[in-house]
Structure formats: structure tokens, C-alpha cells
Amino acid sequence: MLDGVSLDQLRTFIAAAEEGSFSAAGRKLRRAQSVVSQTLANLEGQLRVTLFDRSARYPVLTEEGKALLGEAKTVIYGMDSFKARARTLSEGLEPELSVAVDVMFPMSALTAAVGAFKEQFPTTPLRMYVEALGAVVQPVLDGTCQLGVVGSLPVVPEGTRSEALAQVPMVTVVSPSHPLASMQGPLSSSELERHVQLVLTDRTTLSAGRSYGVLAAQIWRLADLGAKHAFLKAGFGWGHMPREMVQRDLDSGELVQINLEVHQPATPSIAMYAVYRGDAPPGPAGRWFIARLKGG
């Protein structure tokens, strides 16, 4: 009986669980509610497990259903990845490579990778977006970009695959004219709360309700890292920056590094990942680009 379980049944199971009702699952799958109900009843019969409690107005996953939902997703995502990988192998080299890159990724490493890509794939156009937080992942989710290089959004959405790339060293800085610049020793949270912190904001809703690296009560949110850099040099507040981007300012004295008690001995680095949709893995050019970003 279990050998007869189909991918269609598992997709219907996942849709019903995620949509919250059989009728909503039917709309998503473009099927009648009765077809959804019958498909799930057949699946339960084959598994000899009750997946949904139907006693209330809306079906609710049973404990068995909750336990099997993750397994069903693993099977479906694995099959989608298998089919997509086969498709890329049959189609050959991508006609274009589109990449969304986190603004925190070192520009020198990105420039080197792009230069090498131009030499390796001279006839493959490269389209690149530089974004922050969820704005890096959103183009990957909606299919605008095949790859995303993510760091400032530490949690990637379900349905994506990720591969570790590198660690980006970070540093906390202020202008030499800022009051924090003259304070000795690690700065406490209570001291930081008295001053404005400059942070990046998300152009999407993917990081809604989450704050990454925010320590102060007074916050100015900026959607552009270049603007944040300029505001820091102007003395408008303190903030975390990629060390590579501000090293010249530190060397010249235009910015000053400060140490925070919460981040001793240093401001944590940002882990960078290559992300792509599980149902649309990168082709030869994309795989080469990921390897180049890893230093391969």
C-alpha cells in the first residue's frame, strides 16, 4: 500500500496543511474541494494514519500529521530539485546569470569573481543586484534572480537551498567627533542606549518583526549602506560596518572603532551564503560562480 503513495497525494497533503482548509488547498491546486478531500482520504487509507482532525469547522493536523508533514516536504523538495537538476543538465549553459548580492559582501571579492566570470563565460550576460536583508532573497523567491548571496538576513525562507561561502569581518564605528569615540574601554548597553544607532532596513517583509544587531533604543533606519557610511562619518550615530568598507576611514582617522561589552572581543562577523530555490538549482555558470565566491 505504501508503495502506491504518489507525489500528487503528498503535494495535496502539504497544500491542505499550509492553507488551513481543503477548500483553500483546492483553490491553490486548482481542484474541487471534493477532489482534495478524496485524495487525502485515500492517502490516509494507504498510510493507515489519520492526518487531519475533521471534527471542527476547519481540518487540523493530528500529531501524526505534524510528524509526517516535514517528511512529505522533504520528499517533494527532493523530487523538485531532482527534476530541476535534470532540466539544467539537459538544457546546458544558462542563457543569462542573474545574481542578487548582499551589500555586506566584500566588493573586492565580488569584483574579482565577476572579472573571472567574464573570462570563463564571455557569451553569458551577467545581471547583478546589490541589496540588503530580505531584498536579496526576494528576487530569488520570485524567480527574478537565480542566485542570492545572503548575509545580513540570517534566516532564509523555506524552499531555498543554501551553501556557505565566507565570513565577512565586521567592526563597530563612530566619527571621531562623536561622544562615544572618547570613551575608554568596552561600552555598556546602557551607554549605547543614549546614542542613535544607524541600522540597515529591509525593503521587503521577509525580516518583519526581527532586529539583527540592534542594541540601542534610538534607531535611524537606512535602506542604503552608502548612506549609512556617510551618516557615520558625519557623526549622526554609531553602527556596525564591514571592515573592508571602512578600513581606509579607520586608517585615516575619519572613523574610530569602538568596542562593545556585548561583542567582546570583537564585533561578530557575518556568515555569507549562496541561496537558490530548491526547484531551480543553478546551472553550470551558476555553479561555477558559487565555487568562485568560495575561493575555488
C-alpha atoms as a PDB file:
ATOM      1  CA  MET A   1       0.000   0.000   0.000  1.00  0.00           C
ATOM      2  CA  LEU A   2       2.756   2.452   0.882  1.00  0.00           C
ATOM      3  CA  ASP A   3       4.431   1.938  -2.488  1.00  0.00           C
ATOM      4  CA  GLY A   4       1.298   3.398  -4.056  1.00  0.00           C
ATOM      5  CA  VAL A   5       1.686   6.780  -2.336  1.00  0.00           C
ATOM      6  CA  SER A   6       2.071   9.384  -5.073  1.00  0.00           C
ATOM      7  CA  LEU A   7       3.752  12.767  -5.269  1.00  0.00           C
ATOM      8  CA  ASP A   8       0.360  14.254  -6.105  1.00  0.00           C
ATOM      9  CA  GLN A   9      -1.032  12.978  -2.815  1.00  0.00           C
ATOM     10  CA  LEU A  10       1.897  14.455  -0.895  1.00  0.00           C
ATOM     11  CA  ARG A  11       1.526  17.806  -2.659  1.00  0.00           C
ATOM     12  CA  THR A  12      -2.160  17.825  -1.753  1.00  0.00           C
ATOM     13  CA  PHE A  13      -1.314  16.980   1.869  1.00  0.00           C
ATOM     14  CA  ILE A  14       1.193  19.844   2.058  1.00  0.00           C
ATOM     15  CA  ALA A  15      -1.205  22.304   0.435  1.00  0.00           C
ATOM     16  CA  ALA A  16      -4.036  21.401   2.841  1.00  0.00           C
ATOM     17  CA  ALA A  17      -1.723  21.758   5.848  1.00  0.00           C
ATOM     18  CA  GLU A  18      -0.292  25.095   4.713  1.00  0.00           C
ATOM     19  CA  GLU A  19      -3.555  26.639   3.507  1.00  0.00           C
ATOM     20  CA  GLY A  20      -5.569  25.600   6.559  1.00  0.00           C
ATOM     21  CA  SER A  21      -8.562  24.118   4.752  1.00  0.00           C
ATOM     22  CA  PHE A  22      -9.393  21.695   1.976  1.00  0.00           C
ATOM     23  CA  SER A  23     -11.243  24.382   0.013  1.00  0.00           C
ATOM     24  CA  ALA A  24      -8.217  26.732   0.163  1.00  0.00           C
ATOM     25  CA  ALA A  25      -5.952  23.871  -0.892  1.00  0.00           C
ATOM     26  CA  GLY A  26      -8.299  23.222  -3.801  1.00  0.00           C
ATOM     27  CA  ARG A  27      -8.035  26.842  -4.911  1.00  0.00           C
ATOM     28  CA  LYS A  28      -4.257  26.706  -4.715  1.00  0.00           C
ATOM     29  CA  LEU A  29      -4.109  23.448  -6.667  1.00  0.00           C
ATOM     30  CA  ARG A  30      -6.990  24.463  -8.962  1.00  0.00           C
ATOM     31  CA  ARG A  31      -9.069  21.484  -7.982  1.00  0.00           C
ATOM     32  CA  ALA A  32     -12.507  20.965  -6.487  1.00  0.00           C
ATOM     33  CA  GLN A  33     -12.680  20.596  -2.721  1.00  0.00           C
ATOM     34  CA  SER A  34     -14.196  17.164  -3.137  1.00  0.00           C
ATOM     35  CA  VAL A  35     -11.148  16.027  -5.117  1.00  0.00           C
ATOM     36  CA  VAL A  36      -8.829  17.305  -2.378  1.00  0.00           C
ATOM     37  CA  SER A  37     -10.873  15.574   0.317  1.00  0.00           C
ATOM     38  CA  GLN A  38     -10.914  12.274  -1.584  1.00  0.00           C
ATOM     39  CA  THR A  39      -7.181  12.459  -2.326  1.00  0.00           C
ATOM     40  CA  LEU A  40      -6.388  12.963   1.348  1.00  0.00           C
ATOM     41  CA  ALA A  41      -8.783  10.217   2.421  1.00  0.00           C
ATOM     42  CA  ASN A  42      -7.050   7.823   0.018  1.00  0.00           C
ATOM     43  CA  LEU A  43      -3.648   8.881   1.350  1.00  0.00           C
ATOM     44  CA  GLU A  44      -4.742   8.283   4.934  1.00  0.00           C
ATOM     45  CA  GLY A  45      -6.056   4.875   3.941  1.00  0.00           C
ATOM     46  CA  GLN A  46      -2.771   3.916   2.335  1.00  0.00           C
ATOM     47  CA  LEU A  47      -0.725   5.185   5.276  1.00  0.00           C
ATOM     48  CA  ARG A  48      -3.180   3.805   7.851  1.00  0.00           C
ATOM     49  CA  VAL A  49      -2.753   7.102   9.679  1.00  0.00           C
ATOM     50  CA  THR A  50      -5.217   9.949  10.286  1.00  0.00           C
ATOM     51  CA  LEU A  51      -3.525  13.114   9.076  1.00  0.00           C
ATOM     52  CA  PHE A  52      -6.299  15.620   9.845  1.00  0.00           C
ATOM     53  CA  ASP A  53      -8.805  16.014  12.643  1.00  0.00           C
ATOM     54  CA  ARG A  54     -12.034  16.926  10.854  1.00  0.00           C
ATOM     55  CA  SER A  55     -14.225  17.383  13.924  1.00  0.00           C
ATOM     56  CA  ALA A  56     -14.037  21.212  13.860  1.00  0.00           C
ATOM     57  CA  ARG A  57     -15.012  23.663  11.137  1.00  0.00           C
ATOM     58  CA  TYR A  58     -11.537  23.558   9.665  1.00  0.00           C
ATOM     59  CA  PRO A  59      -9.282  20.492   9.496  1.00  0.00           C
ATOM     60  CA  VAL A  60      -6.413  20.444  11.971  1.00  0.00           C
ATOM     61  CA  LEU A  61      -3.269  18.375  11.657  1.00  0.00           C
ATOM     62  CA  THR A  62      -3.113  15.464  14.071  1.00  0.00           C
ATOM     63  CA  GLU A  63       0.127  14.692  15.881  1.00  0.00           C
ATOM     64  CA  GLU A  64       0.777  12.022  13.257  1.00  0.00           C
ATOM     65  CA  GLY A  65       0.049  14.554  10.538  1.00  0.00           C
ATOM     66  CA  LYS A  66       2.505  17.043  12.025  1.00  0.00           C
ATOM     67  CA  ALA A  67       5.171  14.351  12.230  1.00  0.00           C
ATOM     68  CA  LEU A  68       4.696  13.333   8.593  1.00  0.00           C
ATOM     69  CA  LEU A  69       4.378  16.841   7.139  1.00  0.00           C
ATOM     70  CA  GLY A  70       8.116  17.522   7.318  1.00  0.00           C
ATOM     71  CA  GLU A  71       8.857  14.157   5.716  1.00  0.00           C
ATOM     72  CA  ALA A  72       6.417  14.913   2.914  1.00  0.00           C
ATOM     73  CA  LYS A  73       8.095  18.262   2.265  1.00  0.00           C
ATOM     74  CA  THR A  74      11.500  16.599   2.172  1.00  0.00           C
ATOM     75  CA  VAL A  75      10.267  14.143  -0.463  1.00  0.00           C
ATOM     76  CA  ILE A  76       8.646  16.857  -2.599  1.00  0.00           C
ATOM     77  CA  TYR A  77      11.562  19.274  -2.362  1.00  0.00           C
ATOM     78  CA  GLY A  78      13.951  16.475  -3.173  1.00  0.00           C
ATOM     79  CA  MET A  79      11.975  15.481  -6.256  1.00  0.00           C
ATOM     80  CA  ASP A  80      11.653  19.109  -7.383  1.00  0.00           C
ATOM     81  CA  SER A  81      15.404  19.508  -7.020  1.00  0.00           C
ATOM     82  CA  PHE A  82      15.999  16.251  -8.900  1.00  0.00           C
ATOM     83  CA  LYS A  83      13.814  17.348 -11.824  1.00  0.00           C
ATOM     84  CA  ALA A  84      15.264  20.834 -11.895  1.00  0.00           C
ATOM     85  CA  ARG A  85      18.811  19.490 -11.849  1.00  0.00           C
ATOM     86  CA  ALA A  86      17.990  17.138 -14.716  1.00  0.00           C
ATOM     87  CA  ARG A  87      16.491  20.065 -16.613  1.00  0.00           C
ATOM     88  CA  THR A  88      19.619  22.203 -16.215  1.00  0.00           C
ATOM     89  CA  LEU A  89      21.796  19.309 -17.378  1.00  0.00           C
ATOM     90  CA  SER A  90      19.654  18.771 -20.452  1.00  0.00           C
ATOM     91  CA  GLU A  91      19.445  22.468 -21.301  1.00  0.00           C
ATOM     92  CA  GLY A  92      23.153  23.155 -20.834  1.00  0.00           C
ATOM     93  CA  LEU A  93      24.637  26.572 -20.051  1.00  0.00           C
ATOM     94  CA  GLU A  94      22.263  29.260 -18.760  1.00  0.00           C
ATOM     95  CA  PRO A  95      21.449  31.971 -21.344  1.00  0.00           C
ATOM     96  CA  GLU A  96      21.986  34.553 -18.563  1.00  0.00           C
ATOM     97  CA  LEU A  97      23.084  34.544 -14.931  1.00  0.00           C
ATOM     98  CA  SER A  98      21.225  36.868 -12.573  1.00  0.00           C
ATOM     99  CA  VAL A  99      22.509  37.333  -9.025  1.00  0.00           C
ATOM    100  CA  ALA A 100      21.335  39.365  -6.021  1.00  0.00           C
ATOM    101  CA  VAL A 101      24.264  40.155  -3.726  1.00  0.00           C
ATOM    102  CA  ASP A 102      24.151  41.277  -0.121  1.00  0.00           C
ATOM    103  CA  VAL A 103      25.570  44.768   0.277  1.00  0.00           C
ATOM    104  CA  MET A 104      27.770  43.432   3.089  1.00  0.00           C
ATOM    105  CA  PHE A 105      29.684  41.099   0.754  1.00  0.00           C
ATOM    106  CA  PRO A 106      33.237  42.386   0.131  1.00  0.00           C
ATOM    107  CA  MET A 107      33.282  44.324  -3.122  1.00  0.00           C
ATOM    108  CA  SER A 108      36.869  43.301  -3.890  1.00  0.00           C
ATOM    109  CA  ALA A 109      35.927  39.597  -3.771  1.00  0.00           C
ATOM    110  CA  LEU A 110      32.794  40.232  -5.834  1.00  0.00           C
ATOM    111  CA  THR A 111      34.713  42.241  -8.448  1.00  0.00           C
ATOM    112  CA  ALA A 112      37.336  39.500  -8.734  1.00  0.00           C
ATOM    113  CA  ALA A 113      34.626  36.851  -9.186  1.00  0.00           C
ATOM    114  CA  VAL A 114      32.839  38.898 -11.843  1.00  0.00           C
ATOM    115  CA  GLY A 115      36.093  39.509 -13.722  1.00  0.00           C
ATOM    116  CA  ALA A 116      36.881  35.793 -13.708  1.00  0.00           C
ATOM    117  CA  PHE A 117      33.304  35.009 -14.780  1.00  0.00           C
ATOM    118  CA  LYS A 118      33.671  37.324 -17.781  1.00  0.00           C
ATOM    119  CA  GLU A 119      36.764  35.393 -18.851  1.00  0.00           C
ATOM    120  CA  GLN A 120      35.214  31.968 -18.245  1.00  0.00           C
ATOM    121  CA  PHE A 121      31.788  32.666 -19.818  1.00  0.00           C
ATOM    122  CA  PRO A 122      32.314  35.503 -22.320  1.00  0.00           C
ATOM    123  CA  THR A 123      28.971  34.950 -24.073  1.00  0.00           C
ATOM    124  CA  THR A 124      26.842  34.673 -20.909  1.00  0.00           C
ATOM    125  CA  PRO A 125      25.368  38.009 -19.787  1.00  0.00           C
ATOM    126  CA  LEU A 126      25.578  38.732 -16.064  1.00  0.00           C
ATOM    127  CA  ARG A 127      22.811  40.691 -14.332  1.00  0.00           C
ATOM    128  CA  MET A 128      23.539  41.755 -10.770  1.00  0.00           C
ATOM    129  CA  TYR A 129      21.619  43.497  -7.998  1.00  0.00           C
ATOM    130  CA  VAL A 130      23.169  44.731  -4.754  1.00  0.00           C
ATOM    131  CA  GLU A 131      20.631  44.702  -1.928  1.00  0.00           C
ATOM    132  CA  ALA A 132      20.295  44.136   1.825  1.00  0.00           C
ATOM    133  CA  LEU A 133      18.360  41.799   4.121  1.00  0.00           C
ATOM    134  CA  GLY A 134      15.210  40.365   2.544  1.00  0.00           C
ATOM    135  CA  ALA A 135      15.701  42.327  -0.673  1.00  0.00           C
ATOM    136  CA  VAL A 136      18.482  39.848  -1.517  1.00  0.00           C
ATOM    137  CA  VAL A 137      16.264  36.788  -1.085  1.00  0.00           C
ATOM    138  CA  GLN A 138      13.024  38.121  -2.583  1.00  0.00           C
ATOM    139  CA  PRO A 139      14.314  38.191  -6.210  1.00  0.00           C
ATOM    140  CA  VAL A 140      15.377  34.558  -5.769  1.00  0.00           C
ATOM    141  CA  LEU A 141      11.950  33.561  -4.461  1.00  0.00           C
ATOM    142  CA  ASP A 142      10.059  35.280  -7.278  1.00  0.00           C
ATOM    143  CA  GLY A 143      12.415  33.960  -9.969  1.00  0.00           C
ATOM    144  CA  THR A 144      13.974  37.295 -10.935  1.00  0.00           C
ATOM    145  CA  CYS A 145      17.412  36.027  -9.876  1.00  0.00           C
ATOM    146  CA  GLN A 146      18.803  32.513  -9.998  1.00  0.00           C
ATOM    147  CA  LEU A 147      21.224  33.124  -7.128  1.00  0.00           C
ATOM    148  CA  GLY A 148      21.371  35.194  -3.985  1.00  0.00           C
ATOM    149  CA  VAL A 149      24.434  35.947  -1.866  1.00  0.00           C
ATOM    150  CA  VAL A 150      22.933  36.438   1.571  1.00  0.00           C
ATOM    151  CA  GLY A 151      24.432  37.572   4.854  1.00  0.00           C
ATOM    152  CA  SER A 152      22.540  40.371   6.569  1.00  0.00           C
ATOM    153  CA  LEU A 153      19.361  38.239   6.613  1.00  0.00           C
ATOM    154  CA  PRO A 154      20.494  35.226   8.670  1.00  0.00           C
ATOM    155  CA  VAL A 155      17.309  33.188   8.156  1.00  0.00           C
ATOM    156  CA  VAL A 156      16.472  32.086   4.602  1.00  0.00           C
ATOM    157  CA  PRO A 157      12.882  31.158   3.695  1.00  0.00           C
ATOM    158  CA  GLU A 158      11.619  27.622   3.350  1.00  0.00           C
ATOM    159  CA  GLY A 159      12.027  26.115  -0.095  1.00  0.00           C
ATOM    160  CA  THR A 160      15.507  27.535  -0.655  1.00  0.00           C
ATOM    161  CA  ARG A 161      18.854  25.789  -0.507  1.00  0.00           C
ATOM    162  CA  SER A 162      21.988  27.406   0.918  1.00  0.00           C
ATOM    163  CA  GLU A 163      25.750  26.868   0.668  1.00  0.00           C
ATOM    164  CA  ALA A 164      28.308  28.510   2.965  1.00  0.00           C
ATOM    165  CA  LEU A 165      30.638  30.984   1.226  1.00  0.00           C
ATOM    166  CA  ALA A 166      32.706  33.056   3.638  1.00  0.00           C
ATOM    167  CA  GLN A 167      32.810  35.084   6.839  1.00  0.00           C
ATOM    168  CA  VAL A 168      32.760  38.878   6.487  1.00  0.00           C
ATOM    169  CA  PRO A 169      34.610  40.679   9.330  1.00  0.00           C
ATOM    170  CA  MET A 170      32.565  43.476  10.901  1.00  0.00           C
ATOM    171  CA  VAL A 171      33.576  46.457  13.029  1.00  0.00           C
ATOM    172  CA  THR A 172      31.583  48.946  15.122  1.00  0.00           C
ATOM    173  CA  VAL A 173      32.493  52.557  14.323  1.00  0.00           C
ATOM    174  CA  VAL A 174      31.722  56.207  15.039  1.00  0.00           C
ATOM    175  CA  SER A 175      33.026  59.557  13.883  1.00  0.00           C
ATOM    176  CA  PRO A 176      35.946  60.903  15.988  1.00  0.00           C
ATOM    177  CA  SER A 177      33.659  63.825  16.889  1.00  0.00           C
ATOM    178  CA  HIS A 178      31.020  61.503  18.349  1.00  0.00           C
ATOM    179  CA  PRO A 179      30.808  61.332  22.192  1.00  0.00           C
ATOM    180  CA  LEU A 180      31.364  57.561  22.143  1.00  0.00           C
ATOM    181  CA  ALA A 181      34.743  57.978  20.413  1.00  0.00           C
ATOM    182  CA  SER A 182      36.393  59.471  23.511  1.00  0.00           C
ATOM    183  CA  MET A 183      35.145  56.844  25.973  1.00  0.00           C
ATOM    184  CA  GLN A 184      37.659  54.316  27.226  1.00  0.00           C
ATOM    185  CA  GLY A 185      37.113  50.564  27.466  1.00  0.00           C
ATOM    186  CA  PRO A 186      34.214  48.409  26.291  1.00  0.00           C
ATOM    187  CA  LEU A 187      30.930  50.338  26.134  1.00  0.00           C
ATOM    188  CA  SER A 188      27.957  49.050  28.113  1.00  0.00           C
ATOM    189  CA  SER A 189      24.444  48.606  26.750  1.00  0.00           C
ATOM    190  CA  SER A 190      23.177  51.407  28.974  1.00  0.00           C
ATOM    191  CA  GLU A 191      25.719  53.792  27.460  1.00  0.00           C
ATOM    192  CA  LEU A 192      24.876  52.753  23.901  1.00  0.00           C
ATOM    193  CA  GLU A 193      21.165  53.311  24.501  1.00  0.00           C
ATOM    194  CA  ARG A 194      21.845  57.012  24.986  1.00  0.00           C
ATOM    195  CA  HIS A 195      23.012  57.401  21.402  1.00  0.00           C
ATOM    196  CA  VAL A 196      21.475  56.855  17.972  1.00  0.00           C
ATOM    197  CA  GLN A 197      22.316  53.564  16.257  1.00  0.00           C
ATOM    198  CA  LEU A 198      22.346  53.548  12.462  1.00  0.00           C
ATOM    199  CA  VAL A 199      20.995  50.280  11.025  1.00  0.00           C
ATOM    200  CA  LEU A 200      20.016  48.905   7.639  1.00  0.00           C
ATOM    201  CA  THR A 201      16.316  48.435   6.980  1.00  0.00           C
ATOM    202  CA  ASP A 202      14.566  45.895   4.771  1.00  0.00           C
ATOM    203  CA  ARG A 203      12.731  46.865   1.605  1.00  0.00           C
ATOM    204  CA  THR A 204      10.700  43.650   1.899  1.00  0.00           C
ATOM    205  CA  THR A 205       8.624  41.984   4.622  1.00  0.00           C
ATOM    206  CA  LEU A 206      10.937  38.967   4.976  1.00  0.00           C
ATOM    207  CA  SER A 207      12.587  40.316   8.127  1.00  0.00           C
ATOM    208  CA  ALA A 208       9.438  41.883   9.599  1.00  0.00           C
ATOM    209  CA  GLY A 209       9.415  41.662  13.381  1.00  0.00           C
ATOM    210  CA  ARG A 210      13.129  40.798  13.573  1.00  0.00           C
ATOM    211  CA  SER A 211      16.064  43.005  14.505  1.00  0.00           C
ATOM    212  CA  TYR A 212      19.624  41.971  13.701  1.00  0.00           C
ATOM    213  CA  GLY A 213      22.449  43.591  15.668  1.00  0.00           C
ATOM    214  CA  VAL A 214      20.186  46.332  17.067  1.00  0.00           C
ATOM    215  CA  LEU A 215      21.279  47.314  20.586  1.00  0.00           C
ATOM    216  CA  ALA A 216      20.160  50.921  21.045  1.00  0.00           C
ATOM    217  CA  ALA A 217      16.762  52.355  21.905  1.00  0.00           C
ATOM    218  CA  GLN A 218      17.232  55.232  19.451  1.00  0.00           C
ATOM    219  CA  ILE A 219      17.432  53.929  15.872  1.00  0.00           C
ATOM    220  CA  TRP A 220      17.751  55.538  12.468  1.00  0.00           C
ATOM    221  CA  ARG A 221      16.940  53.058   9.700  1.00  0.00           C
ATOM    222  CA  LEU A 222      18.586  53.406   6.299  1.00  0.00           C
ATOM    223  CA  ALA A 223      17.933  51.341   3.185  1.00  0.00           C
ATOM    224  CA  ASP A 224      21.354  52.080   1.687  1.00  0.00           C
ATOM    225  CA  LEU A 225      24.737  51.068   3.113  1.00  0.00           C
ATOM    226  CA  GLY A 226      26.423  54.001   1.371  1.00  0.00           C
ATOM    227  CA  ALA A 227      24.098  56.412   3.166  1.00  0.00           C
ATOM    228  CA  LYS A 228      24.812  54.661   6.469  1.00  0.00           C
ATOM    229  CA  HIS A 229      28.544  55.039   5.805  1.00  0.00           C
ATOM    230  CA  ALA A 230      28.134  58.763   5.116  1.00  0.00           C
ATOM    231  CA  PHE A 231      25.959  59.283   8.196  1.00  0.00           C
ATOM    232  CA  LEU A 232      28.525  57.541  10.386  1.00  0.00           C
ATOM    233  CA  LYS A 233      31.305  59.808   9.087  1.00  0.00           C
ATOM    234  CA  ALA A 234      29.057  62.821   9.699  1.00  0.00           C
ATOM    235  CA  GLY A 235      28.714  61.837  13.361  1.00  0.00           C
ATOM    236  CA  PHE A 236      24.965  61.155  13.295  1.00  0.00           C
ATOM    237  CA  GLY A 237      25.276  57.895  15.225  1.00  0.00           C
ATOM    238  CA  TRP A 238      27.173  54.631  15.694  1.00  0.00           C
ATOM    239  CA  GLY A 239      26.836  51.376  13.784  1.00  0.00           C
ATOM    240  CA  HIS A 240      28.280  48.108  12.504  1.00  0.00           C
ATOM    241  CA  MET A 241      30.049  48.095   9.128  1.00  0.00           C
ATOM    242  CA  PRO A 242      32.047  45.613   7.010  1.00  0.00           C
ATOM    243  CA  ARG A 243      35.686  46.163   7.952  1.00  0.00           C
ATOM    244  CA  GLU A 244      36.799  46.206   4.319  1.00  0.00           C
ATOM    245  CA  MET A 245      34.444  49.100   3.536  1.00  0.00           C
ATOM    246  CA  VAL A 246      35.700  51.333   6.362  1.00  0.00           C
ATOM    247  CA  GLN A 247      39.361  50.283   6.673  1.00  0.00           C
ATOM    248  CA  ARG A 248      40.625  53.397   4.868  1.00  0.00           C
ATOM    249  CA  ASP A 249      38.492  55.583   7.150  1.00  0.00           C
ATOM    250  CA  LEU A 250      39.946  53.826  10.200  1.00  0.00           C
ATOM    251  CA  ASP A 251      43.480  54.256   8.848  1.00  0.00           C
ATOM    252  CA  SER A 252      42.914  57.968   8.120  1.00  0.00           C
ATOM    253  CA  GLY A 253      41.085  58.656  11.383  1.00  0.00           C
ATOM    254  CA  GLU A 254      37.803  59.637   9.702  1.00  0.00           C
ATOM    255  CA  LEU A 255      36.162  56.830  11.679  1.00  0.00           C
ATOM    256  CA  VAL A 256      37.042  55.301  15.039  1.00  0.00           C
ATOM    257  CA  GLN A 257      36.470  51.720  16.118  1.00  0.00           C
ATOM    258  CA  ILE A 258      34.604  51.265  19.393  1.00  0.00           C
ATOM    259  CA  ASN A 259      34.343  48.102  21.460  1.00  0.00           C
ATOM    260  CA  LEU A 260      31.079  46.917  22.982  1.00  0.00           C
ATOM    261  CA  GLU A 261      30.775  44.791  26.091  1.00  0.00           C
ATOM    262  CA  VAL A 262      28.198  42.571  24.407  1.00  0.00           C
ATOM    263  CA  HIS A 263      30.539  41.927  21.454  1.00  0.00           C
ATOM    264  CA  GLN A 264      33.849  41.345  23.188  1.00  0.00           C
ATOM    265  CA  PRO A 265      36.458  40.664  21.975  1.00  0.00           C
ATOM    266  CA  ALA A 266      35.163  41.932  18.606  1.00  0.00           C
ATOM    267  CA  THR A 267      32.009  42.665  16.634  1.00  0.00           C
ATOM    268  CA  PRO A 268      30.767  39.309  15.257  1.00  0.00           C
ATOM    269  CA  SER A 269      31.446  38.595  11.604  1.00  0.00           C
ATOM    270  CA  ILE A 270      28.626  37.904   9.155  1.00  0.00           C
ATOM    271  CA  ALA A 271      28.336  34.463   7.572  1.00  0.00           C
ATOM    272  CA  MET A 272      27.646  34.661   3.842  1.00  0.00           C
ATOM    273  CA  TYR A 273      25.673  32.011   1.947  1.00  0.00           C
ATOM    274  CA  ALA A 274      24.739  31.334  -1.646  1.00  0.00           C
ATOM    275  CA  VAL A 275      20.992  30.650  -1.835  1.00  0.00           C
ATOM    276  CA  TYR A 276      18.772  29.398  -4.627  1.00  0.00           C
ATOM    277  CA  ARG A 277      15.335  27.880  -4.986  1.00  0.00           C
ATOM    278  CA  GLY A 278      15.144  24.150  -4.395  1.00  0.00           C
ATOM    279  CA  ASP A 279      13.116  23.724  -7.584  1.00  0.00           C
ATOM    280  CA  ALA A 280      15.533  25.834  -9.654  1.00  0.00           C
ATOM    281  CA  PRO A 281      19.143  24.960  -8.771  1.00  0.00           C
ATOM    282  CA  PRO A 282      21.965  26.753 -10.592  1.00  0.00           C
ATOM    283  CA  GLY A 283      23.256  25.515 -13.922  1.00  0.00           C
ATOM    284  CA  PRO A 284      26.920  25.295 -14.982  1.00  0.00           C
ATOM    285  CA  ALA A 285      27.545  29.054 -14.905  1.00  0.00           C
ATOM    286  CA  GLY A 286      25.819  29.462 -11.558  1.00  0.00           C
ATOM    287  CA  ARG A 287      27.699  26.541 -10.031  1.00  0.00           C
ATOM    288  CA  TRP A 288      30.981  27.981 -11.291  1.00  0.00           C
ATOM    289  CA  PHE A 289      30.141  31.394  -9.812  1.00  0.00           C
ATOM    290  CA  ILE A 290      29.322  29.887  -6.400  1.00  0.00           C
ATOM    291  CA  ALA A 291      32.621  27.973  -6.428  1.00  0.00           C
ATOM    292  CA  ARG A 292      34.497  31.169  -7.334  1.00  0.00           C
ATOM    293  CA  LEU A 293      32.897  33.053  -4.445  1.00  0.00           C
ATOM    294  CA  LYS A 294      34.005  30.229  -2.153  1.00  0.00           C
ATOM    295  CA  GLY A 295      37.527  30.809  -3.343  1.00  0.00           C
ATOM    296  CA  GLY A 296      37.614  27.787  -5.605  1.00  0.00           C
END
